């Protein structure tokens, strides 16, 4: 039987095309049995899913005003080809390689949807104030994406994200929006690094050691990954063109001991904190 292409390969489009041609040609030689026919029928949709997964990894090359349409068309196409494969293998166990290809395409779409920018603490500590003025500026600018900010008054530590922002269909926000968030963060207590592109955006979870007392570590995890234990520290302030409820800063208390920041990067990826 033929083997579907793998989305884990890092290759050029010319190499991918050659691989798809070889895959299609090898399927022609399959026997005219029920299983052989299922594999032959699977060629077109598996190639299409692989192409979507690879193209979504480069969607930042699409013009910002065309990204929403590209994401919509990609989502519909992935559903169409996944449905075709489910129909082809109905009543029979779907090969693991095809199932993985379907999931890879869906994961690539989710990662593209949650692509954005992140601001990371470069000082020893960081504390934000209430972003009411920032929220008003973002809404006045017509921003309909999503912005998360560190909870006002909560101490954050070096290497931790304190803000993320993405457009409604994923991607880096426009320069005016980036400057607004950047100005707000630089007015807070502490220093942040320049915004970096991140895919997918992340959340920070503060985990506690209840036996010893106090915070144990801050875990930074992709929003599309497994839900982590702990207290989420980044809260939405603007989402879908509407403001979100933001709590007032807590009353000043004794500073926390330094808390270790740990990034859970996806396999094969480098966390943005590694560049600090």
C-alpha atoms as a PDB file:
ATOM      1  CA  UNK A   1       0.000   0.000   0.000  1.00  0.00           C
ATOM      2  CA  UNK A   2       1.116   3.612  -0.482  1.00  0.00           C
ATOM      3  CA  UNK A   3       2.034   5.871   2.431  1.00  0.00           C
ATOM      4  CA  UNK A   4       0.431   9.328   2.719  1.00  0.00           C
ATOM      5  CA  UNK A   5       2.820  12.302   2.907  1.00  0.00           C
ATOM      6  CA  UNK A   6       3.887  13.512   6.351  1.00  0.00           C
ATOM      7  CA  UNK A   7       3.276  17.076   7.526  1.00  0.00           C
ATOM      8  CA  UNK A   8       6.353  16.906   9.759  1.00  0.00           C
ATOM      9  CA  UNK A   9       8.729  17.239   6.793  1.00  0.00           C
ATOM     10  CA  UNK A  10      10.378  20.646   6.281  1.00  0.00           C
ATOM     11  CA  UNK A  11      10.772  20.863   2.525  1.00  0.00           C
ATOM     12  CA  UNK A  12      10.304  23.176  -0.434  1.00  0.00           C
ATOM     13  CA  UNK A  13       7.122  23.200  -2.479  1.00  0.00           C
ATOM     14  CA  UNK A  14       8.988  21.668  -5.417  1.00  0.00           C
ATOM     15  CA  UNK A  15      10.012  18.731  -3.228  1.00  0.00           C
ATOM     16  CA  UNK A  16       6.464  18.417  -1.912  1.00  0.00           C
ATOM     17  CA  UNK A  17       5.090  18.322  -5.464  1.00  0.00           C
ATOM     18  CA  UNK A  18       7.543  15.570  -6.371  1.00  0.00           C
ATOM     19  CA  UNK A  19       6.472  13.612  -3.307  1.00  0.00           C
ATOM     20  CA  UNK A  20       2.799  13.978  -4.181  1.00  0.00           C
ATOM     21  CA  UNK A  21       3.423  12.790  -7.741  1.00  0.00           C
ATOM     22  CA  UNK A  22       5.322   9.760  -6.466  1.00  0.00           C
ATOM     23  CA  UNK A  23       2.552   9.009  -3.961  1.00  0.00           C
ATOM     24  CA  UNK A  24      -0.139   9.220  -6.661  1.00  0.00           C
ATOM     25  CA  UNK A  25       1.868   7.071  -9.062  1.00  0.00           C
ATOM     26  CA  UNK A  26       2.462   4.381  -6.442  1.00  0.00           C
ATOM     27  CA  UNK A  27      -1.267   4.207  -5.758  1.00  0.00           C
ATOM     28  CA  UNK A  28      -1.946   3.350  -9.421  1.00  0.00           C
ATOM     29  CA  UNK A  29      -0.091   0.061  -8.966  1.00  0.00           C
ATOM     30  CA  UNK A  30      -2.283  -1.058  -6.072  1.00  0.00           C
ATOM     31  CA  UNK A  31      -4.389  -4.191  -6.678  1.00  0.00           C
ATOM     32  CA  UNK A  32      -8.004  -3.883  -7.758  1.00  0.00           C
ATOM     33  CA  UNK A  33      -9.326  -5.033  -4.409  1.00  0.00           C
ATOM     34  CA  UNK A  34     -11.718  -3.257  -2.058  1.00  0.00           C
ATOM     35  CA  UNK A  35      -8.827  -2.061   0.093  1.00  0.00           C
ATOM     36  CA  UNK A  36      -6.734  -1.110  -2.917  1.00  0.00           C
ATOM     37  CA  UNK A  37      -9.587   0.989  -4.282  1.00  0.00           C
ATOM     38  CA  UNK A  38     -10.004   2.737  -0.947  1.00  0.00           C
ATOM     39  CA  UNK A  39      -6.330   3.693  -1.033  1.00  0.00           C
ATOM     40  CA  UNK A  40      -6.649   4.930  -4.622  1.00  0.00           C
ATOM     41  CA  UNK A  41      -9.706   7.010  -3.705  1.00  0.00           C
ATOM     42  CA  UNK A  42      -7.785   8.451  -0.756  1.00  0.00           C
ATOM     43  CA  UNK A  43      -4.990   9.924  -2.881  1.00  0.00           C
ATOM     44  CA  UNK A  44      -6.619  13.232  -3.845  1.00  0.00           C
ATOM     45  CA  UNK A  45      -8.019  14.161  -0.400  1.00  0.00           C
ATOM     46  CA  UNK A  46      -4.833  13.197   1.464  1.00  0.00           C
ATOM     47  CA  UNK A  47      -2.691  15.288  -0.888  1.00  0.00           C
ATOM     48  CA  UNK A  48      -5.109  18.186  -0.438  1.00  0.00           C
ATOM     49  CA  UNK A  49      -4.968  17.912   3.361  1.00  0.00           C
ATOM     50  CA  UNK A  50      -1.172  17.779   3.299  1.00  0.00           C
ATOM     51  CA  UNK A  51      -1.081  20.851   1.057  1.00  0.00           C
ATOM     52  CA  UNK A  52      -3.370  22.751   3.448  1.00  0.00           C
ATOM     53  CA  UNK A  53      -1.264  21.831   6.470  1.00  0.00           C
ATOM     54  CA  UNK A  54       1.918  23.007   4.774  1.00  0.00           C
ATOM     55  CA  UNK A  55       0.369  26.182   3.336  1.00  0.00           C
ATOM     56  CA  UNK A  56      -1.114  27.175   6.696  1.00  0.00           C
ATOM     57  CA  UNK A  57       2.391  27.081   8.100  1.00  0.00           C
ATOM     58  CA  UNK A  58       3.221  29.968   5.748  1.00  0.00           C
ATOM     59  CA  UNK A  59      -0.030  31.916   5.976  1.00  0.00           C
ATOM     60  CA  UNK A  60       1.804  34.957   7.323  1.00  0.00           C
ATOM     61  CA  UNK A  61       2.831  35.526   3.665  1.00  0.00           C
ATOM     62  CA  UNK A  62      -0.806  36.202   2.751  1.00  0.00           C
ATOM     63  CA  UNK A  63      -1.794  39.879   2.661  1.00  0.00           C
ATOM     64  CA  UNK A  64      -3.573  40.860   5.912  1.00  0.00           C
ATOM     65  CA  UNK A  65      -6.758  41.909   4.079  1.00  0.00           C
ATOM     66  CA  UNK A  66      -6.928  38.489   2.385  1.00  0.00           C
ATOM     67  CA  UNK A  67      -6.224  36.361   5.447  1.00  0.00           C
ATOM     68  CA  UNK A  68      -9.823  36.029   6.673  1.00  0.00           C
ATOM     69  CA  UNK A  69     -10.971  34.680   3.297  1.00  0.00           C
ATOM     70  CA  UNK A  70      -7.977  32.339   3.108  1.00  0.00           C
ATOM     71  CA  UNK A  71      -8.751  30.962   6.585  1.00  0.00           C
ATOM     72  CA  UNK A  72     -12.446  30.480   5.730  1.00  0.00           C
ATOM     73  CA  UNK A  73     -11.691  28.666   2.470  1.00  0.00           C
ATOM     74  CA  UNK A  74      -9.046  26.527   4.160  1.00  0.00           C
ATOM     75  CA  UNK A  75     -11.395  25.505   6.968  1.00  0.00           C
ATOM     76  CA  UNK A  76     -14.153  24.509   4.530  1.00  0.00           C
ATOM     77  CA  UNK A  77     -11.710  22.569   2.334  1.00  0.00           C
ATOM     78  CA  UNK A  78     -10.225  20.674   5.285  1.00  0.00           C
ATOM     79  CA  UNK A  79     -13.711  19.671   6.423  1.00  0.00           C
ATOM     80  CA  UNK A  80     -14.622  18.611   2.876  1.00  0.00           C
ATOM     81  CA  UNK A  81     -11.561  16.396   2.373  1.00  0.00           C
ATOM     82  CA  UNK A  82     -11.712  14.938   5.880  1.00  0.00           C
ATOM     83  CA  UNK A  83     -15.361  14.085   5.242  1.00  0.00           C
ATOM     84  CA  UNK A  84     -14.446  12.425   1.955  1.00  0.00           C
ATOM     85  CA  UNK A  85     -11.864  10.234   3.685  1.00  0.00           C
ATOM     86  CA  UNK A  86     -14.317   9.291   6.416  1.00  0.00           C
ATOM     87  CA  UNK A  87     -16.775   8.268   3.704  1.00  0.00           C
ATOM     88  CA  UNK A  88     -14.133   6.252   1.819  1.00  0.00           C
ATOM     89  CA  UNK A  89     -13.156   4.303   4.940  1.00  0.00           C
ATOM     90  CA  UNK A  90     -16.680   4.005   6.353  1.00  0.00           C
ATOM     91  CA  UNK A  91     -17.156   0.594   7.875  1.00  0.00           C
ATOM     92  CA  UNK A  92     -13.413  -0.108   7.845  1.00  0.00           C
ATOM     93  CA  UNK A  93     -10.639   0.953  10.250  1.00  0.00           C
ATOM     94  CA  UNK A  94      -9.089   4.125   8.875  1.00  0.00           C
ATOM     95  CA  UNK A  95      -5.292   3.761   8.520  1.00  0.00           C
ATOM     96  CA  UNK A  96      -3.459   5.554  11.311  1.00  0.00           C
ATOM     97  CA  UNK A  97      -1.383   7.560   8.828  1.00  0.00           C
ATOM     98  CA  UNK A  98      -4.518   9.030   7.230  1.00  0.00           C
ATOM     99  CA  UNK A  99      -6.060   9.803  10.598  1.00  0.00           C
ATOM    100  CA  UNK A 100      -2.871  11.621  11.615  1.00  0.00           C
ATOM    101  CA  UNK A 101      -2.920  13.606   8.371  1.00  0.00           C
ATOM    102  CA  UNK A 102      -6.482  14.763   9.023  1.00  0.00           C
ATOM    103  CA  UNK A 103      -5.544  15.828  12.552  1.00  0.00           C
ATOM    104  CA  UNK A 104      -2.366  17.572  11.347  1.00  0.00           C
ATOM    105  CA  UNK A 105      -4.403  19.692   8.926  1.00  0.00           C
ATOM    106  CA  UNK A 106      -6.900  20.621  11.652  1.00  0.00           C
ATOM    107  CA  UNK A 107      -4.071  21.443  14.076  1.00  0.00           C
ATOM    108  CA  UNK A 108      -2.363  23.607  11.453  1.00  0.00           C
ATOM    109  CA  UNK A 109      -5.585  25.578  10.983  1.00  0.00           C
ATOM    110  CA  UNK A 110      -5.983  26.071  14.754  1.00  0.00           C
ATOM    111  CA  UNK A 111      -2.359  27.193  15.062  1.00  0.00           C
ATOM    112  CA  UNK A 112      -2.829  29.706  12.224  1.00  0.00           C
ATOM    113  CA  UNK A 113      -6.018  31.009  13.854  1.00  0.00           C
ATOM    114  CA  UNK A 114      -4.108  31.600  17.096  1.00  0.00           C
ATOM    115  CA  UNK A 115      -0.997  33.147  15.568  1.00  0.00           C
ATOM    116  CA  UNK A 116      -0.228  36.525  17.086  1.00  0.00           C
ATOM    117  CA  UNK A 117       2.397  38.508  18.939  1.00  0.00           C
ATOM    118  CA  UNK A 118       3.656  38.262  22.507  1.00  0.00           C
ATOM    119  CA  UNK A 119       5.405  40.657  24.888  1.00  0.00           C
ATOM    120  CA  UNK A 120       7.794  39.032  27.390  1.00  0.00           C
ATOM    121  CA  UNK A 121       9.173  40.432  30.645  1.00  0.00           C
ATOM    122  CA  UNK A 122      12.883  41.237  30.507  1.00  0.00           C
ATOM    123  CA  UNK A 123      13.177  42.868  33.946  1.00  0.00           C
ATOM    124  CA  UNK A 124      13.266  40.821  37.139  1.00  0.00           C
ATOM    125  CA  UNK A 125       9.655  41.717  37.949  1.00  0.00           C
ATOM    126  CA  UNK A 126       6.697  43.303  36.186  1.00  0.00           C
ATOM    127  CA  UNK A 127       3.322  44.584  37.336  1.00  0.00           C
ATOM    128  CA  UNK A 128       0.564  46.036  35.147  1.00  0.00           C
ATOM    129  CA  UNK A 129      -2.092  48.616  35.980  1.00  0.00           C
ATOM    130  CA  UNK A 130      -5.735  48.651  34.897  1.00  0.00           C
ATOM    131  CA  UNK A 131      -5.876  48.853  31.054  1.00  0.00           C
ATOM    132  CA  UNK A 132      -9.083  50.892  30.847  1.00  0.00           C
ATOM    133  CA  UNK A 133      -7.542  53.596  28.658  1.00  0.00           C
ATOM    134  CA  UNK A 134      -5.922  50.984  26.392  1.00  0.00           C
ATOM    135  CA  UNK A 135      -9.256  49.209  25.953  1.00  0.00           C
ATOM    136  CA  UNK A 136     -10.928  52.455  24.908  1.00  0.00           C
ATOM    137  CA  UNK A 137      -8.161  53.199  22.397  1.00  0.00           C
ATOM    138  CA  UNK A 138      -8.352  49.712  20.874  1.00  0.00           C
ATOM    139  CA  UNK A 139     -12.132  49.908  20.436  1.00  0.00           C
ATOM    140  CA  UNK A 140     -11.931  53.429  18.999  1.00  0.00           C
ATOM    141  CA  UNK A 141      -9.434  52.073  16.460  1.00  0.00           C
ATOM    142  CA  UNK A 142     -11.980  49.445  15.379  1.00  0.00           C
ATOM    143  CA  UNK A 143      -9.861  46.488  16.513  1.00  0.00           C
ATOM    144  CA  UNK A 144     -11.892  43.246  16.465  1.00  0.00           C
ATOM    145  CA  UNK A 145      -9.135  40.809  17.398  1.00  0.00           C
ATOM    146  CA  UNK A 146      -8.142  39.578  20.833  1.00  0.00           C
ATOM    147  CA  UNK A 147      -5.817  41.104  23.435  1.00  0.00           C
ATOM    148  CA  UNK A 148      -4.787  39.433  26.685  1.00  0.00           C
ATOM    149  CA  UNK A 149      -2.959  41.338  29.421  1.00  0.00           C
ATOM    150  CA  UNK A 150      -1.429  40.222  32.717  1.00  0.00           C
ATOM    151  CA  UNK A 151      -3.975  40.593  35.516  1.00  0.00           C
ATOM    152  CA  UNK A 152      -3.577  44.106  36.974  1.00  0.00           C
ATOM    153  CA  UNK A 153      -1.550  44.163  40.179  1.00  0.00           C
ATOM    154  CA  UNK A 154      -0.277  40.579  39.847  1.00  0.00           C
ATOM    155  CA  UNK A 155       3.508  40.229  39.919  1.00  0.00           C
ATOM    156  CA  UNK A 156       5.013  38.662  36.813  1.00  0.00           C
ATOM    157  CA  UNK A 157       8.609  37.552  36.412  1.00  0.00           C
ATOM    158  CA  UNK A 158      11.427  37.574  33.886  1.00  0.00           C
ATOM    159  CA  UNK A 159      10.726  35.389  30.858  1.00  0.00           C
ATOM    160  CA  UNK A 160       6.931  35.397  31.307  1.00  0.00           C
ATOM    161  CA  UNK A 161       4.489  36.732  28.697  1.00  0.00           C
ATOM    162  CA  UNK A 162       2.523  39.738  29.958  1.00  0.00           C
ATOM    163  CA  UNK A 163       0.492  40.436  26.821  1.00  0.00           C
ATOM    164  CA  UNK A 164      -0.612  38.681  23.642  1.00  0.00           C
ATOM    165  CA  UNK A 165      -2.518  40.005  20.653  1.00  0.00           C
ATOM    166  CA  UNK A 166      -3.909  38.434  17.495  1.00  0.00           C
ATOM    167  CA  UNK A 167      -6.219  39.456  14.715  1.00  0.00           C
ATOM    168  CA  UNK A 168      -9.695  37.924  14.531  1.00  0.00           C
ATOM    169  CA  UNK A 169      -8.555  35.325  11.977  1.00  0.00           C
ATOM    170  CA  UNK A 170      -5.066  35.060  13.422  1.00  0.00           C
ATOM    171  CA  UNK A 171      -1.913  36.923  12.584  1.00  0.00           C
ATOM    172  CA  UNK A 172       0.068  39.916  13.697  1.00  0.00           C
ATOM    173  CA  UNK A 173      -1.984  43.054  14.389  1.00  0.00           C
ATOM    174  CA  UNK A 174      -1.387  46.259  12.493  1.00  0.00           C
ATOM    175  CA  UNK A 175       1.420  48.596  13.596  1.00  0.00           C
ATOM    176  CA  UNK A 176      -0.978  51.101  15.212  1.00  0.00           C
ATOM    177  CA  UNK A 177      -2.460  48.412  17.470  1.00  0.00           C
ATOM    178  CA  UNK A 178       0.993  47.075  18.347  1.00  0.00           C
ATOM    179  CA  UNK A 179       2.159  50.581  19.286  1.00  0.00           C
ATOM    180  CA  UNK A 180      -0.844  51.106  21.575  1.00  0.00           C
ATOM    181  CA  UNK A 181      -0.159  47.913  23.514  1.00  0.00           C
ATOM    182  CA  UNK A 182       3.566  48.577  23.541  1.00  0.00           C
ATOM    183  CA  UNK A 183       3.065  52.072  24.996  1.00  0.00           C
ATOM    184  CA  UNK A 184       0.749  50.719  27.706  1.00  0.00           C
ATOM    185  CA  UNK A 185       3.238  48.007  28.727  1.00  0.00           C
ATOM    186  CA  UNK A 186       6.152  50.437  28.848  1.00  0.00           C
ATOM    187  CA  UNK A 187       4.130  52.623  31.222  1.00  0.00           C
ATOM    188  CA  UNK A 188       3.737  49.684  33.626  1.00  0.00           C
ATOM    189  CA  UNK A 189       6.102  48.808  36.469  1.00  0.00           C
ATOM    190  CA  UNK A 190       8.847  46.801  34.768  1.00  0.00           C
ATOM    191  CA  UNK A 191      10.369  46.278  31.336  1.00  0.00           C
ATOM    192  CA  UNK A 192       9.264  44.155  28.390  1.00  0.00           C
ATOM    193  CA  UNK A 193      11.062  42.983  25.289  1.00  0.00           C
ATOM    194  CA  UNK A 194      10.006  43.916  21.755  1.00  0.00           C
ATOM    195  CA  UNK A 195       6.876  42.043  20.577  1.00  0.00           C
ATOM    196  CA  UNK A 196       7.581  38.738  18.867  1.00  0.00           C
ATOM    197  CA  UNK A 197       5.436  36.643  16.548  1.00  0.00           C
ATOM    198  CA  UNK A 198       4.219  33.477  18.237  1.00  0.00           C
ATOM    199  CA  UNK A 199       2.148  30.549  16.984  1.00  0.00           C
ATOM    200  CA  UNK A 200      -0.032  29.760  18.784  1.00  0.00           C
ATOM    201  CA  UNK A 201      -0.417  32.467  21.413  1.00  0.00           C
ATOM    202  CA  UNK A 202      -0.019  31.342  24.994  1.00  0.00           C
ATOM    203  CA  UNK A 203      -1.404  31.472  28.509  1.00  0.00           C
ATOM    204  CA  UNK A 204       0.498  31.637  31.815  1.00  0.00           C
ATOM    205  CA  UNK A 205      -0.579  29.352  34.662  1.00  0.00           C
ATOM    206  CA  UNK A 206       0.676  30.015  38.185  1.00  0.00           C
ATOM    207  CA  UNK A 207       1.066  26.750  40.039  1.00  0.00           C
ATOM    208  CA  UNK A 208       1.224  26.663  43.820  1.00  0.00           C
ATOM    209  CA  UNK A 209       2.910  24.403  46.343  1.00  0.00           C
ATOM    210  CA  UNK A 210       0.233  24.224  49.010  1.00  0.00           C
ATOM    211  CA  UNK A 211       2.412  22.205  51.388  1.00  0.00           C
ATOM    212  CA  UNK A 212       5.353  24.609  51.347  1.00  0.00           C
ATOM    213  CA  UNK A 213       3.114  27.619  50.731  1.00  0.00           C
ATOM    214  CA  UNK A 214       3.433  30.150  47.926  1.00  0.00           C
ATOM    215  CA  UNK A 215       3.846  30.036  44.168  1.00  0.00           C
ATOM    216  CA  UNK A 216       5.973  27.197  42.797  1.00  0.00           C
ATOM    217  CA  UNK A 217       6.317  28.179  39.124  1.00  0.00           C
ATOM    218  CA  UNK A 218       4.622  29.948  36.217  1.00  0.00           C
ATOM    219  CA  UNK A 219       3.947  27.571  33.333  1.00  0.00           C
ATOM    220  CA  UNK A 220       3.627  29.080  29.840  1.00  0.00           C
ATOM    221  CA  UNK A 221       1.605  26.842  27.524  1.00  0.00           C
ATOM    222  CA  UNK A 222       0.026  27.178  24.051  1.00  0.00           C
ATOM    223  CA  UNK A 223      -3.680  28.026  24.173  1.00  0.00           C
ATOM    224  CA  UNK A 224      -4.354  25.186  21.729  1.00  0.00           C
ATOM    225  CA  UNK A 225      -2.598  22.585  23.886  1.00  0.00           C
ATOM    226  CA  UNK A 226      -3.700  20.625  26.918  1.00  0.00           C
ATOM    227  CA  UNK A 227      -5.239  22.660  29.727  1.00  0.00           C
ATOM    228  CA  UNK A 228      -2.687  23.177  32.484  1.00  0.00           C
ATOM    229  CA  UNK A 229      -3.318  23.231  36.194  1.00  0.00           C
ATOM    230  CA  UNK A 230      -2.932  26.493  38.054  1.00  0.00           C
ATOM    231  CA  UNK A 231      -4.278  30.041  37.994  1.00  0.00           C
ATOM    232  CA  UNK A 232      -4.426  31.700  34.534  1.00  0.00           C
ATOM    233  CA  UNK A 233      -2.626  35.051  34.753  1.00  0.00           C
ATOM    234  CA  UNK A 234      -3.409  36.568  31.330  1.00  0.00           C
ATOM    235  CA  UNK A 235      -6.962  37.885  31.026  1.00  0.00           C
ATOM    236  CA  UNK A 236      -8.824  39.072  27.894  1.00  0.00           C
ATOM    237  CA  UNK A 237      -9.359  42.827  27.765  1.00  0.00           C
ATOM    238  CA  UNK A 238     -10.704  43.085  24.197  1.00  0.00           C
ATOM    239  CA  UNK A 239     -12.203  40.274  22.115  1.00  0.00           C
ATOM    240  CA  UNK A 240     -14.290  40.372  18.940  1.00  0.00           C
ATOM    241  CA  UNK A 241     -14.676  44.150  19.009  1.00  0.00           C
ATOM    242  CA  UNK A 242     -15.996  44.271  22.578  1.00  0.00           C
ATOM    243  CA  UNK A 243     -14.425  45.093  25.919  1.00  0.00           C
ATOM    244  CA  UNK A 244     -14.077  42.442  28.613  1.00  0.00           C
ATOM    245  CA  UNK A 245     -14.498  42.784  32.364  1.00  0.00           C
ATOM    246  CA  UNK A 246     -11.138  43.509  33.972  1.00  0.00           C
ATOM    247  CA  UNK A 247     -10.708  43.433  37.759  1.00  0.00           C
ATOM    248  CA  UNK A 248      -9.187  46.348  39.623  1.00  0.00           C
ATOM    249  CA  UNK A 249      -5.655  45.782  40.941  1.00  0.00           C
ATOM    250  CA  UNK A 250      -5.419  44.076  44.303  1.00  0.00           C
ATOM    251  CA  UNK A 251      -4.238  46.048  47.307  1.00  0.00           C
ATOM    252  CA  UNK A 252      -0.472  46.184  47.660  1.00  0.00           C
ATOM    253  CA  UNK A 253       0.986  43.293  49.633  1.00  0.00           C
ATOM    254  CA  UNK A 254       4.396  41.824  50.404  1.00  0.00           C
ATOM    255  CA  UNK A 255       6.323  41.106  47.155  1.00  0.00           C
ATOM    256  CA  UNK A 256       6.450  37.462  46.139  1.00  0.00           C
ATOM    257  CA  UNK A 257       9.660  35.511  46.168  1.00  0.00           C
ATOM    258  CA  UNK A 258      11.016  35.090  42.642  1.00  0.00           C
ATOM    259  CA  UNK A 259       8.923  32.600  40.695  1.00  0.00           C
ATOM    260  CA  UNK A 260      10.494  30.349  38.059  1.00  0.00           C
ATOM    261  CA  UNK A 261       9.020  30.631  34.541  1.00  0.00           C
ATOM    262  CA  UNK A 262       8.784  27.429  32.511  1.00  0.00           C
ATOM    263  CA  UNK A 263       7.789  27.351  28.847  1.00  0.00           C
ATOM    264  CA  UNK A 264       6.070  24.268  27.446  1.00  0.00           C
ATOM    265  CA  UNK A 265       7.082  24.584  23.801  1.00  0.00           C
ATOM    266  CA  UNK A 266       5.510  22.222  21.278  1.00  0.00           C
ATOM    267  CA  UNK A 267       7.756  19.492  19.931  1.00  0.00           C
ATOM    268  CA  UNK A 268      10.417  20.827  17.569  1.00  0.00           C
ATOM    269  CA  UNK A 269       9.623  24.476  18.346  1.00  0.00           C
ATOM    270  CA  UNK A 270      11.723  27.061  20.149  1.00  0.00           C
ATOM    271  CA  UNK A 271      10.009  29.159  22.796  1.00  0.00           C
ATOM    272  CA  UNK A 272      10.270  32.945  22.373  1.00  0.00           C
ATOM    273  CA  UNK A 273      11.901  33.175  25.807  1.00  0.00           C
ATOM    274  CA  UNK A 274      14.938  31.296  24.440  1.00  0.00           C
ATOM    275  CA  UNK A 275      15.935  34.423  22.528  1.00  0.00           C
ATOM    276  CA  UNK A 276      16.044  36.621  25.615  1.00  0.00           C
END
